[in-house]
């Protein structure tokens, strides 16, 4: 039985009668240089089918070789999630046919994952935390990508042609699976979003993935079910696949709760199935949900078992950084900034960049101003993440130093940054090449002041008569004549002195 959007049950009614149970499966592409089992590049955005080889295309006789860096990243993820790391484990073949899986099976881990039984204490907006128990984190390879042409939605239904790009096939993937999340009540959608947010921040802090949900390098499958208040047995779950934004995770969970409740209230039965999430805020049926038996798992015969030593695990444990939200809290106290300012820095994705710029010698105030304003604007104009801009924290700190030393004004500094972004070199070299350094020679400035006063005798007379605010017009003309390279404060001093009003 299905239900239209107009028939969704009111959320308060859902919470009054039912308890939600969630399960979140997050797939994360690792930022290794090569794929999981072959030397093909993992660079995003290459021409279709240009980063493939016999191994990732599943050609007969091609044998996989395990990526050591991917295994180490998987162990670090497990440790950061407080998991136990398996001392021995095997890969398995997960058998299914789909056009984006060239081998007709996926190399994954089934009953012997690399990491098990962990948890993540998730910070919530009200300052509290919610512990999400982690069932497992296992290694596998990603599938290729299908592009469906001819349908209004871009999905296979109604499409006239489907194109397969196998560049993504074989990219290292970690799947992180929670245990059932119970007891959340009305906060279930909020907690789902907060968990994925915290996981994204954690993985970014580990530097194991770029976690770009918009590019598919982090994707969430959101499982949701309802049970009557006080009941012990879980309801039938649905799995909303490949949700690709933090907001959408929250929206998908809320929608499924309201939809399932409406089905149950109408006397229907919730179908165990996958669901497609639509960006305008609803889900639609996908396919009947398989069970593990449907995949006919068996041990992968072409790969040796994974057996990380205690020494390796402890070495990797020493690389786990401070939890990002704890680091942010400490940084916020050190910088003396408000929750609102810190939230803006986090939402703009610049907190790590600001921190690195401060470490390179800039003040926190200057670093925040550059990354949180001007460079965010430049990133938006270019349609990229701020972190993808071709400028480093060290270069921003160098620009700040030039301003602090009086060699650049803030306005001229922006031109220097634009030069760095354009690939013209280091900040000081750009300043020199473009002739942007502030004019420090009083004789040159005085000549420009005298010329501006001579050209505007009426304004000069007003200044001599005590109307010192009129000096602004002369300062503006001098700044224009010197192409903004004069020190405006010094120009004003010289104007007032020349008119006897200093």
Protein backbone atom coordinates (compact mmCIF):
# COMPACT_ATOMS: atom_id res chain seq x y z
CA UNK A 1 0.00 0.00 0.00
CA UNK A 2 1.40 3.42 -0.90
CA UNK A 3 0.46 6.85 0.34
CA UNK A 4 0.46 10.22 -1.40
CA UNK A 5 2.26 13.20 0.04
CA UNK A 6 -1.08 14.80 0.96
CA UNK A 7 -1.89 11.70 3.10
CA UNK A 8 1.16 11.85 5.31
CA UNK A 9 0.38 11.62 9.01
CA UNK A 10 1.05 14.71 11.09
CA UNK A 11 4.47 14.38 12.71
CA UNK A 12 3.19 14.97 16.25
CA UNK A 13 0.65 12.17 15.75
CA UNK A 14 3.42 9.86 14.58
CA UNK A 15 5.47 10.53 17.71
CA UNK A 16 2.45 10.17 19.99
CA UNK A 17 1.76 6.61 18.82
CA UNK A 18 5.00 5.18 17.42
CA UNK A 19 8.66 4.85 18.30
CA UNK A 20 11.07 5.26 15.36
CA UNK A 21 14.01 2.91 14.89
CA UNK A 22 16.83 4.05 12.61
CA UNK A 23 19.78 2.39 10.96
CA UNK A 24 22.28 4.42 8.95
CA UNK A 25 24.69 2.97 6.41
CA UNK A 26 27.26 5.47 5.20
CA UNK A 27 29.46 4.71 2.18
CA UNK A 28 32.71 6.65 2.03
CA UNK A 29 35.09 6.74 -0.93
CA UNK A 30 38.69 6.84 0.28
CA UNK A 31 41.01 9.48 -1.14
CA UNK A 32 43.72 7.03 -2.17
CA UNK A 33 45.61 7.75 -5.39
CA UNK A 34 44.68 4.39 -6.90
CA UNK A 35 41.76 1.97 -6.77
CA UNK A 36 41.17 -0.81 -4.27
CA UNK A 37 42.53 -3.67 -6.32
CA UNK A 38 44.34 -2.11 -9.30
CA UNK A 39 46.62 0.85 -10.13
CA UNK A 40 43.97 2.92 -11.94
CA UNK A 41 43.58 6.54 -10.87
CA UNK A 42 40.72 7.61 -8.60
CA UNK A 43 40.68 11.27 -9.74
CA UNK A 44 37.11 12.59 -9.89
CA UNK A 45 35.71 14.09 -13.08
CA UNK A 46 37.87 12.38 -15.72
CA UNK A 47 36.43 11.56 -19.15
CA UNK A 48 34.20 8.46 -18.94
CA UNK A 49 35.98 5.11 -19.04
CA UNK A 50 39.48 6.57 -19.17
CA UNK A 51 40.53 5.30 -15.72
CA UNK A 52 39.96 1.59 -16.21
CA UNK A 53 41.97 -1.59 -16.73
CA UNK A 54 41.32 -5.34 -17.06
CA UNK A 55 41.09 -5.71 -13.25
CA UNK A 56 38.41 -3.08 -12.56
CA UNK A 57 36.58 -4.03 -15.78
CA UNK A 58 36.38 -7.64 -14.59
CA UNK A 59 38.19 -9.14 -17.56
CA UNK A 60 38.77 -12.93 -17.42
CA UNK A 61 42.07 -13.83 -15.79
CA UNK A 62 42.71 -10.36 -14.28
CA UNK A 63 43.65 -10.68 -10.61
CA UNK A 64 43.14 -8.11 -7.84
CA UNK A 65 45.95 -6.79 -5.61
CA UNK A 66 44.95 -5.14 -2.33
CA UNK A 67 45.66 -1.42 -1.81
CA UNK A 68 47.73 -1.10 1.39
CA UNK A 69 46.86 2.59 1.89
CA UNK A 70 43.15 1.75 1.76
CA UNK A 71 43.56 -0.88 4.47
CA UNK A 72 45.40 1.59 6.71
CA UNK A 73 42.69 4.19 6.15
CA UNK A 74 40.04 1.62 7.06
CA UNK A 75 41.87 0.78 10.28
CA UNK A 76 42.20 4.46 11.20
CA UNK A 77 38.47 4.96 10.60
CA UNK A 78 37.68 1.99 12.80
CA UNK A 79 39.92 3.29 15.57
CA UNK A 80 38.40 6.78 15.40
CA UNK A 81 34.99 5.13 15.79
CA UNK A 82 36.16 3.26 18.91
CA UNK A 83 35.88 -0.07 17.12
CA UNK A 84 37.79 -3.29 17.72
CA UNK A 85 40.12 -4.02 14.80
CA UNK A 86 39.95 -7.61 13.56
CA UNK A 87 43.34 -9.37 13.77
CA UNK A 88 42.42 -11.55 10.79
CA UNK A 89 39.75 -11.36 8.10
CA UNK A 90 38.87 -12.17 4.53
CA UNK A 91 37.20 -10.50 1.61
CA UNK A 92 34.09 -12.04 0.08
CA UNK A 93 32.27 -11.95 -3.21
CA UNK A 94 28.85 -10.32 -3.10
CA UNK A 95 27.09 -11.68 -6.15
CA UNK A 96 24.57 -9.67 -8.09
CA UNK A 97 24.03 -8.51 -11.63
CA UNK A 98 23.73 -4.84 -12.42
CA UNK A 99 25.17 -2.95 -15.38
CA UNK A 100 27.44 -0.76 -13.26
CA UNK A 101 29.19 -3.80 -11.72
CA UNK A 102 31.34 -5.24 -14.52
CA UNK A 103 32.37 -8.46 -12.72
CA UNK A 104 28.75 -9.27 -11.76
CA UNK A 105 30.01 -9.45 -8.19
CA UNK A 106 31.43 -6.94 -5.75
CA UNK A 107 34.51 -7.65 -3.64
CA UNK A 108 33.42 -6.73 -0.13
CA UNK A 109 33.66 -7.97 3.44
CA UNK A 110 30.79 -9.98 4.85
CA UNK A 111 31.20 -11.96 8.07
CA UNK A 112 34.76 -10.77 8.77
CA UNK A 113 34.82 -6.95 8.63
CA UNK A 114 37.95 -4.97 9.48
CA UNK A 115 36.28 -3.08 12.38
CA UNK A 116 33.40 -3.98 14.71
CA UNK A 117 31.51 -2.84 17.81
CA UNK A 118 32.28 0.85 18.09
CA UNK A 119 30.45 4.05 18.89
CA UNK A 120 30.41 7.75 18.12
CA UNK A 121 29.26 10.38 20.63
CA UNK A 122 27.43 12.79 18.36
CA UNK A 123 27.14 16.47 19.33
CA UNK A 124 23.65 17.96 18.99
CA UNK A 125 22.66 21.58 18.47
CA UNK A 126 21.51 22.02 22.08
CA UNK A 127 24.95 21.11 23.42
CA UNK A 128 24.07 17.56 24.41
CA UNK A 129 25.46 14.39 22.83
CA UNK A 130 23.86 11.19 21.57
CA UNK A 131 25.82 7.95 21.46
CA UNK A 132 25.34 6.06 18.21
CA UNK A 133 26.52 2.46 18.37
CA UNK A 134 28.51 1.23 15.38
CA UNK A 135 27.90 -2.34 14.19
CA UNK A 136 30.79 -2.53 11.72
CA UNK A 137 32.97 -0.73 9.23
CA UNK A 138 34.02 -2.87 6.30
CA UNK A 139 36.05 -2.48 3.12
CA UNK A 140 34.73 -2.95 -0.39
CA UNK A 141 35.00 -1.55 -3.90
CA UNK A 142 32.65 1.01 -5.40
CA UNK A 143 30.55 0.36 -8.47
CA UNK A 144 30.54 2.26 -11.74
CA UNK A 145 28.08 5.02 -12.56
CA UNK A 146 25.04 4.87 -14.82
CA UNK A 147 23.62 7.90 -16.59
CA UNK A 148 20.03 7.46 -17.76
CA UNK A 149 18.92 9.54 -20.75
CA UNK A 150 15.41 10.27 -21.94
CA UNK A 151 13.56 10.28 -18.61
CA UNK A 152 12.29 13.40 -16.89
CA UNK A 153 13.77 12.40 -13.54
CA UNK A 154 17.15 11.14 -14.72
CA UNK A 155 16.28 7.70 -13.32
CA UNK A 156 16.00 4.46 -15.24
CA UNK A 157 12.19 4.56 -15.32
CA UNK A 158 11.22 6.08 -18.66
CA UNK A 159 14.81 6.28 -19.91
CA UNK A 160 15.54 5.47 -23.55
CA UNK A 161 19.30 5.01 -23.12
CA UNK A 162 21.65 4.22 -20.25
CA UNK A 163 25.38 4.98 -20.36
CA UNK A 164 27.92 3.21 -18.15
CA UNK A 165 31.06 4.92 -16.85
CA UNK A 166 33.40 2.53 -15.03
CA UNK A 167 35.89 5.13 -13.78
CA UNK A 168 34.37 4.77 -10.31
CA UNK A 169 34.31 0.96 -10.41
CA UNK A 170 36.91 -0.30 -7.98
CA UNK A 171 37.40 2.93 -6.02
CA UNK A 172 38.12 2.03 -2.36
CA UNK A 173 35.00 2.24 -0.26
CA UNK A 174 34.32 1.96 3.46
CA UNK A 175 30.79 1.18 4.58
CA UNK A 176 30.00 2.23 8.15
CA UNK A 177 26.89 0.59 9.57
CA UNK A 178 25.18 1.58 12.82
CA UNK A 179 23.39 -0.70 15.19
CA UNK A 180 19.64 0.05 15.50
CA UNK A 181 19.24 3.56 16.87
CA UNK A 182 16.35 3.55 19.35
CA UNK A 183 14.85 5.95 21.86
CA UNK A 184 15.26 9.08 19.76
CA UNK A 185 11.54 9.93 19.71
CA UNK A 186 10.75 13.22 18.01
CA UNK A 187 14.48 13.94 17.57
CA UNK A 188 15.05 11.00 15.21
CA UNK A 189 15.48 13.11 12.01
CA UNK A 190 17.71 15.59 13.85
CA UNK A 191 19.90 12.84 15.29
CA UNK A 192 20.21 11.16 11.88
CA UNK A 193 21.47 14.38 10.39
CA UNK A 194 23.76 15.11 13.34
CA UNK A 195 25.32 11.64 13.09
CA UNK A 196 26.12 11.96 9.39
CA UNK A 197 27.42 15.50 10.01
CA UNK A 198 29.71 14.27 12.81
CA UNK A 199 30.88 11.34 10.71
CA UNK A 200 31.68 13.66 7.79
CA UNK A 201 33.67 15.97 10.08
CA UNK A 202 35.52 13.03 11.63
CA UNK A 203 36.50 11.55 8.26
CA UNK A 204 37.61 14.94 6.98
CA UNK A 205 39.73 15.37 10.10
CA UNK A 206 41.32 11.96 9.48
CA UNK A 207 42.12 13.10 5.91
CA UNK A 208 40.93 9.77 4.49
CA UNK A 209 38.25 11.18 2.18
CA UNK A 210 37.10 14.51 0.78
CA UNK A 211 33.56 13.49 1.93
CA UNK A 212 31.98 15.46 -0.93
CA UNK A 213 28.36 14.35 -0.71
CA UNK A 214 27.57 16.40 -3.82
CA UNK A 215 30.10 14.32 -5.80
CA UNK A 216 29.08 10.99 -4.29
CA UNK A 217 32.23 10.38 -2.27
CA UNK A 218 30.02 10.14 0.80
CA UNK A 219 26.52 8.67 0.55
CA UNK A 220 23.98 7.66 3.17
CA UNK A 221 21.42 4.87 3.04
CA UNK A 222 18.82 5.74 5.69
CA UNK A 223 16.84 2.83 7.17
CA UNK A 224 13.72 3.67 9.14
CA UNK A 225 10.91 1.71 10.75
CA UNK A 226 8.16 2.33 13.28
CA UNK A 227 6.91 0.26 16.19
CA UNK A 228 3.98 0.91 18.50
CA UNK A 229 4.83 2.61 21.77
CA UNK A 230 6.05 -0.01 24.23
CA UNK A 231 6.41 -2.77 21.63
CA UNK A 232 9.63 -4.82 21.58
CA UNK A 233 9.54 -6.09 18.02
CA UNK A 234 10.77 -3.74 15.31
CA UNK A 235 8.50 -2.70 12.48
CA UNK A 236 9.25 -3.35 8.81
CA UNK A 237 12.03 -1.09 7.61
CA UNK A 238 12.61 0.75 4.39
CA UNK A 239 16.01 1.85 3.08
CA UNK A 240 16.21 5.22 1.37
CA UNK A 241 19.26 4.88 -0.89
CA UNK A 242 22.10 7.24 -1.73
CA UNK A 243 20.94 10.34 0.15
CA UNK A 244 23.53 12.93 -0.78
CA UNK A 245 23.22 15.90 1.57
CA UNK A 246 22.99 16.42 5.31
CA UNK A 247 19.64 18.19 5.07
CA UNK A 248 18.27 15.42 2.84
CA UNK A 249 19.11 12.79 5.48
CA UNK A 250 16.89 14.63 7.96
CA UNK A 251 14.14 15.20 5.40
CA UNK A 252 14.17 11.57 4.22
CA UNK A 253 13.87 10.17 7.75
CA UNK A 254 11.05 12.53 8.67
CA UNK A 255 9.18 11.76 5.46
CA UNK A 256 9.48 8.00 5.89
CA UNK A 257 8.23 8.21 9.47
CA UNK A 258 5.15 10.14 8.36
CA UNK A 259 4.57 7.94 5.31
CA UNK A 260 4.90 4.66 7.18
CA UNK A 261 2.63 5.89 9.96
CA UNK A 262 -0.04 6.84 7.42
CA UNK A 263 0.20 3.37 5.85
CA UNK A 264 -0.16 1.70 9.25
CA UNK A 265 -3.01 3.97 10.35
CA UNK A 266 -4.88 3.10 7.15
CA UNK A 267 -4.59 -0.59 7.98
CA UNK A 268 -1.87 -1.28 5.43
CA UNK A 269 1.48 -3.02 5.69
CA UNK A 270 4.82 -1.35 5.19
CA UNK A 271 6.77 -3.04 2.41
CA UNK A 272 10.42 -3.88 2.99
CA UNK A 273 12.02 -2.13 0.05
CA UNK A 274 14.55 0.40 -1.08
CA UNK A 275 13.31 3.94 -1.68
CA UNK A 276 14.53 6.74 -3.95
CA UNK A 277 14.92 10.18 -2.38
CA UNK A 278 13.70 13.15 -4.42
CA UNK A 279 15.22 16.56 -3.76
CA UNK A 280 11.81 18.18 -3.38
CA UNK A 281 11.37 16.21 -0.18
CA UNK A 282 9.76 12.81 -0.70
CA UNK A 283 10.67 9.18 -1.36
CA UNK A 284 9.35 6.73 -3.94
CA UNK A 285 9.52 2.92 -4.20
CA UNK A 286 12.68 1.32 -5.57
CA UNK A 287 13.02 -2.44 -5.44
CA UNK A 288 12.23 -5.20 -2.98
CA UNK A 289 15.00 -5.31 -0.40
CA UNK A 290 17.30 -8.31 -0.69
CA UNK A 291 18.57 -10.36 2.25
CA UNK A 292 22.15 -11.51 2.73
CA UNK A 293 21.24 -14.93 1.35
CA UNK A 294 20.25 -13.35 -1.96
CA UNK A 295 23.85 -12.23 -2.53
CA UNK A 296 25.34 -15.76 -2.17
CA UNK A 297 28.43 -14.53 -0.34
CA UNK A 298 31.51 -16.75 -0.44
CA UNK A 299 35.20 -16.09 0.36
CA UNK A 300 37.13 -14.23 -2.35
CA UNK A 301 39.64 -16.82 -3.63
CA UNK A 302 41.97 -14.33 -5.34
CA UNK A 303 42.93 -12.31 -2.24
CA UNK A 304 44.92 -13.27 0.82
CA UNK A 305 43.39 -12.66 4.25
CA UNK A 306 43.91 -9.27 5.88
CA UNK A 307 45.88 -9.65 9.11
CA UNK A 308 47.05 -6.31 10.55
CA UNK A 309 49.68 -6.68 13.24
CA UNK A 310 49.30 -5.20 16.72
CA UNK A 311 52.26 -2.94 15.93
CA UNK A 312 50.55 -1.54 12.82
CA UNK A 313 47.29 -0.92 14.67
CA UNK A 314 49.07 0.93 17.47
CA UNK A 315 51.10 2.99 15.02
CA UNK A 316 47.89 4.02 13.26
CA UNK A 317 46.16 4.68 16.58
CA UNK A 318 48.82 7.30 17.32
CA UNK A 319 47.75 9.22 14.18
CA UNK A 320 44.12 9.71 15.26
CA UNK A 321 43.57 13.47 15.78
CA UNK A 322 41.41 15.21 18.34
CA UNK A 323 37.70 14.93 17.58
CA UNK A 324 36.79 17.87 15.32
CA UNK A 325 33.98 19.22 17.50
CA UNK A 326 36.18 19.12 20.60
CA UNK A 327 38.95 20.87 18.67
CA UNK A 328 36.47 23.51 17.50
CA UNK A 329 35.29 24.12 21.05
CA UNK A 330 38.87 24.61 22.23
CA UNK A 331 39.67 26.87 19.27
CA UNK A 332 36.52 28.92 19.85
CA UNK A 333 37.58 29.56 23.44
CA UNK A 334 41.13 30.47 22.37
CA UNK A 335 39.88 32.91 19.74
CA UNK A 336 37.10 34.32 21.89
CA UNK A 337 34.42 34.09 19.19
CA UNK A 338 30.69 33.49 19.47
CA UNK A 339 28.79 30.30 18.65
CA UNK A 340 27.31 32.08 15.64
CA UNK A 341 30.72 33.00 14.20
CA UNK A 342 32.04 29.48 14.75
CA UNK A 343 28.94 28.00 13.13
CA UNK A 344 29.43 30.20 10.06
CA UNK A 345 33.08 29.09 9.78
CA UNK A 346 32.06 25.44 10.02
CA UNK A 347 29.17 25.80 7.57
CA UNK A 348 31.48 27.51 5.08
CA UNK A 349 33.97 24.67 5.45
CA UNK A 350 36.86 26.97 6.40
CA UNK A 351 37.63 26.20 10.04
CA UNK A 352 40.64 23.99 9.21
CA UNK A 353 41.87 26.57 6.69
CA UNK A 354 41.59 29.38 9.22
CA UNK A 355 43.41 27.30 11.82
CA UNK A 356 46.22 26.51 9.39
CA UNK A 357 46.50 30.19 8.45
CA UNK A 358 46.81 31.16 12.11
CA UNK A 359 49.50 28.49 12.51
CA UNK A 360 51.31 30.12 9.57
CA UNK A 361 51.50 33.42 11.45
CA UNK A 362 48.28 35.36 10.79
CA UNK A 363 45.97 36.62 13.51
CA UNK A 364 42.74 34.66 13.93
CA UNK A 365 40.74 37.79 13.10
CA UNK A 366 42.57 38.34 9.79
CA UNK A 367 42.45 34.65 8.89
CA UNK A 368 38.71 34.50 9.56
CA UNK A 369 38.10 37.63 7.49
CA UNK A 370 39.95 36.28 4.45
CA UNK A 371 38.61 32.73 4.42
CA UNK A 372 35.12 33.44 5.77
CA UNK A 373 34.36 36.36 3.46
CA UNK A 374 36.52 37.14 0.43
CA UNK A 375 37.64 33.58 -0.36
CA UNK A 376 34.19 32.08 0.23
CA UNK A 377 32.92 34.63 -2.28
CA UNK A 378 35.62 33.62 -4.78
CA UNK A 379 34.77 29.94 -4.29
CA UNK A 380 31.08 30.61 -4.90
CA UNK A 381 31.92 32.54 -8.08
CA UNK A 382 34.02 29.61 -9.31
CA UNK A 383 31.50 26.96 -8.24
CA UNK A 384 34.03 25.05 -6.12
CA UNK A 385 34.62 24.26 -2.46
CA UNK A 386 36.73 26.84 -0.63
CA UNK A 387 39.34 24.16 0.04
CA UNK A 388 39.68 23.63 -3.72
CA UNK A 389 40.80 27.21 -4.39
CA UNK A 390 44.41 27.41 -5.64
CA UNK A 391 45.69 29.27 -2.59
CA UNK A 392 47.20 27.87 0.60
CA UNK A 393 46.88 28.99 4.22
CA UNK A 394 50.58 29.90 4.12
CA UNK A 395 49.96 32.21 1.16
CA UNK A 396 47.02 33.88 2.90
CA UNK A 397 49.20 34.38 5.97
CA UNK A 398 51.85 35.96 3.71
CA UNK A 399 49.25 38.43 2.40
CA UNK A 400 48.23 39.29 5.96
CA UNK A 401 51.89 39.92 6.81
CA UNK A 402 52.24 42.33 3.86
CA UNK A 403 49.21 44.26 5.13
CA UNK A 404 50.49 44.27 8.71
CA UNK A 405 53.87 45.58 7.52
CA UNK A 406 52.17 48.45 5.72
CA UNK A 407 53.20 47.26 2.27
CA UNK A 408 49.60 46.68 1.15
CA UNK A 409 46.21 48.13 1.94
CA UNK A 410 43.29 45.73 2.33
CA UNK A 411 42.00 46.79 -1.07
CA UNK A 412 45.34 46.16 -2.77
CA UNK A 413 45.71 42.90 -0.84
CA UNK A 414 42.55 41.60 -2.51
CA UNK A 415 44.17 42.22 -5.89
CA UNK A 416 47.22 40.28 -4.74
CA UNK A 417 45.04 37.35 -3.67
CA UNK A 418 43.31 37.42 -7.04
CA UNK A 419 46.74 37.21 -8.64
CA UNK A 420 47.65 34.19 -6.53
CA UNK A 421 44.35 32.54 -7.47
CA UNK A 422 45.17 33.22 -11.13
CA UNK A 423 48.45 31.35 -10.78
CA UNK A 424 50.73 34.38 -10.95
CA UNK A 425 52.98 33.23 -8.10
CA UNK A 426 53.57 33.92 -4.44
CA UNK A 427 51.95 37.00 -2.82
CA UNK A 428 55.06 39.21 -2.69
CA UNK A 429 55.95 38.34 -6.30
CA UNK A 430 52.39 39.21 -7.39
CA UNK A 431 52.56 42.50 -5.50
CA UNK A 432 55.82 43.40 -7.23
CA UNK A 433 54.81 42.24 -10.70
CA UNK A 434 51.52 44.14 -10.57
CA UNK A 435 53.07 47.22 -8.98
CA UNK A 436 50.66 47.14 -6.05
CA UNK A 437 52.93 48.08 -3.15
CA UNK A 438 51.79 51.09 -1.14
CA UNK A 439 53.55 54.39 -1.95
CA UNK A 440 55.58 55.32 1.14
CA UNK A 441 57.38 58.36 -0.35
CA UNK A 442 55.84 61.50 1.20
CA UNK A 443 57.20 63.66 -1.61
CA UNK A 444 55.22 61.71 -4.20
CA UNK A 445 52.08 61.80 -2.11
CA UNK A 446 52.55 65.53 -1.37
CA UNK A 447 52.79 66.25 -5.08
CA UNK A 448 49.47 64.45 -5.67
CA UNK A 449 47.89 66.34 -2.74
CA UNK A 450 49.07 69.72 -4.06
CA UNK A 451 47.73 68.89 -7.50
CA UNK A 452 44.32 67.85 -6.15
CA UNK A 453 44.04 70.99 -3.98
CA UNK A 454 45.00 73.23 -6.91
CA UNK A 455 42.34 71.59 -9.05
CA UNK A 456 39.68 72.09 -6.34
CA UNK A 457 40.19 75.56 -4.77
CA UNK A 458 36.64 75.70 -3.45
CA UNK A 459 37.13 72.48 -1.45
CA UNK A 460 40.53 73.68 -0.26
CA UNK A 461 38.93 76.87 1.00
CA UNK A 462 36.30 74.91 2.96
CA UNK A 463 39.03 72.87 4.63
CA UNK A 464 40.95 76.07 5.52
CA UNK A 465 37.70 77.41 6.96
CA UNK A 466 37.45 74.54 9.41
CA UNK A 467 35.26 72.07 7.48
CA UNK A 468 37.77 69.24 7.80
CA UNK A 469 35.22 66.65 6.63
CA UNK A 470 35.59 68.16 3.15
CA UNK A 471 39.10 66.67 3.10
CA UNK A 472 37.53 63.33 2.14
CA UNK A 473 36.95 64.53 -1.42
CA UNK A 474 40.62 65.47 -1.83
CA UNK A 475 41.76 62.19 -0.25
CA UNK A 476 39.60 60.33 -2.77
CA UNK A 477 41.16 62.16 -5.70
CA UNK A 478 44.68 61.47 -4.42
CA UNK A 479 43.90 57.80 -3.94
CA UNK A 480 42.58 57.68 -7.49
CA UNK A 481 45.66 59.45 -8.83
CA UNK A 482 47.96 56.99 -7.02
CA UNK A 483 45.86 53.98 -8.12
CA UNK A 484 44.98 53.26 -4.51
CA UNK A 485 48.61 52.77 -3.57
CA UNK A 486 48.89 55.69 -1.16
CA UNK A 487 48.19 55.27 2.54
CA UNK A 488 44.81 56.96 2.93
CA UNK A 489 45.48 57.96 6.54
CA UNK A 490 48.77 59.60 5.57
CA UNK A 491 47.10 61.35 2.62
CA UNK A 492 44.55 62.89 4.97
CA UNK A 493 47.29 64.10 7.29
CA UNK A 494 49.09 65.81 4.39
CA UNK A 495 45.86 67.38 3.06
CA UNK A 496 44.99 68.87 6.43
CA UNK A 497 48.58 70.09 6.94
CA UNK A 498 48.62 71.74 3.51
CA UNK A 499 45.43 73.63 4.37
CA UNK A 500 46.60 74.61 7.84
CA UNK A 501 43.90 72.51 9.43
CA UNK A 502 46.16 69.74 10.76
